[in-house]
């Protein structure tokens, strides 16, 4: 935990303190930011970091060690009344305090403190402010080493996409049937050989399966891939070393020499939506204008809606990327949630609009890294559906 950095951020945000709280490991963000991992957490604990001065711990006497290693005075309680009285004393003089809370649960990834605890803190005359933007600073910003790990992983992930298309092409040209699962496992094997890991194996989906954004094949449900099929590849991974971050992309292909117009038409709309979202971020950062996640979603969704396919774009435009494939920074979302977090320098997110029809679905996903005054796509950008049998 970087205490001085947290206190500086609190001062800049005009907040009196950041109050961390947990019970039964409900708030993973707290453990990540504070850098602790207690062996047991069956009793409530609190940790108050003021904008100035020393932090204060409040722990139960039978788990008094839970916040060991963190700076600050430790206070203990046993009864619920003693807990409340001590917490009130700790908060005396604090007017605006950040917690893992989101008004109206707009950002559920941040709303991790239960409503009763929020009510308790408010009962002491304290205004509770969402810690969403603070969390970004200490959970979503990448170091130079993290960015380098992302770029290294990206080279292998793109290699995995090329391997998938070549595996399909080789099988079809040899008159041998391949499958979603076989192609998935070929990518997975490459990752193992090249030192990449992921929380799940890649998504390889054909025809109707590509219309399911969260489809994933397995040995039992896998469908064959044949000439004339449409294929979607959603591939993500990171280096197998501490502090590495993910690279996450989606490409599409047609198993033939040329791509039919029905696929090209939908891809072109998705591509325009993707590029509109990227352009909006770039323009805002170059102009030093604050931009929020929901605005990026609106930009992409507007393109697809104007083209007449709004009802078929059924998920957010993008998600934060970090040590987990879905990170704790701003999401590009004004559909599933209203994400009013700012896009801040040093963070990365996906831009992945999609159109999902009955016969097939098209998604084009890239990763966008924001720096101080610009944003860039960190990998290759697909410009047309890949004609798999024409590819060499």
Foldseek 3Di string as FASTA:
>chain_A
DPLLVLLVVCVVVVFFKAKEKDAPPLQVLVCQLLVFDDPDGHDMKMWIRGSDDWIEIEEEPVPQCRNPPHTDHYDYDHDPVRSLVVVLVNCPPGAEYEYLCDVVCLPVNSHRDDPVVVVSVVVSNHHYDYCLQVSCVRWFFADPVQVVQALVVQVLQVVLVVQLLVVQLVCQVVVHKDWQARSQVVSVVSCVVVQKDAPDTKAKDKWQRQLPVPDHDDPVPIDIDYAQIKIKIWTKITGPDPFYWMFIWMAIAHAAQDDDPVQFVQVQLQLVLLVQLQVVQFVCLQVVHWDALQVSQCSSLVSCVVVPQNVQFQDGQKAWIGNHRHTSHGTNDDDPGNTGHTDDARTKMKGWTKGRDRGHIDITIFMWHHHRRGIDTSHDGDDGHHHSNNDD
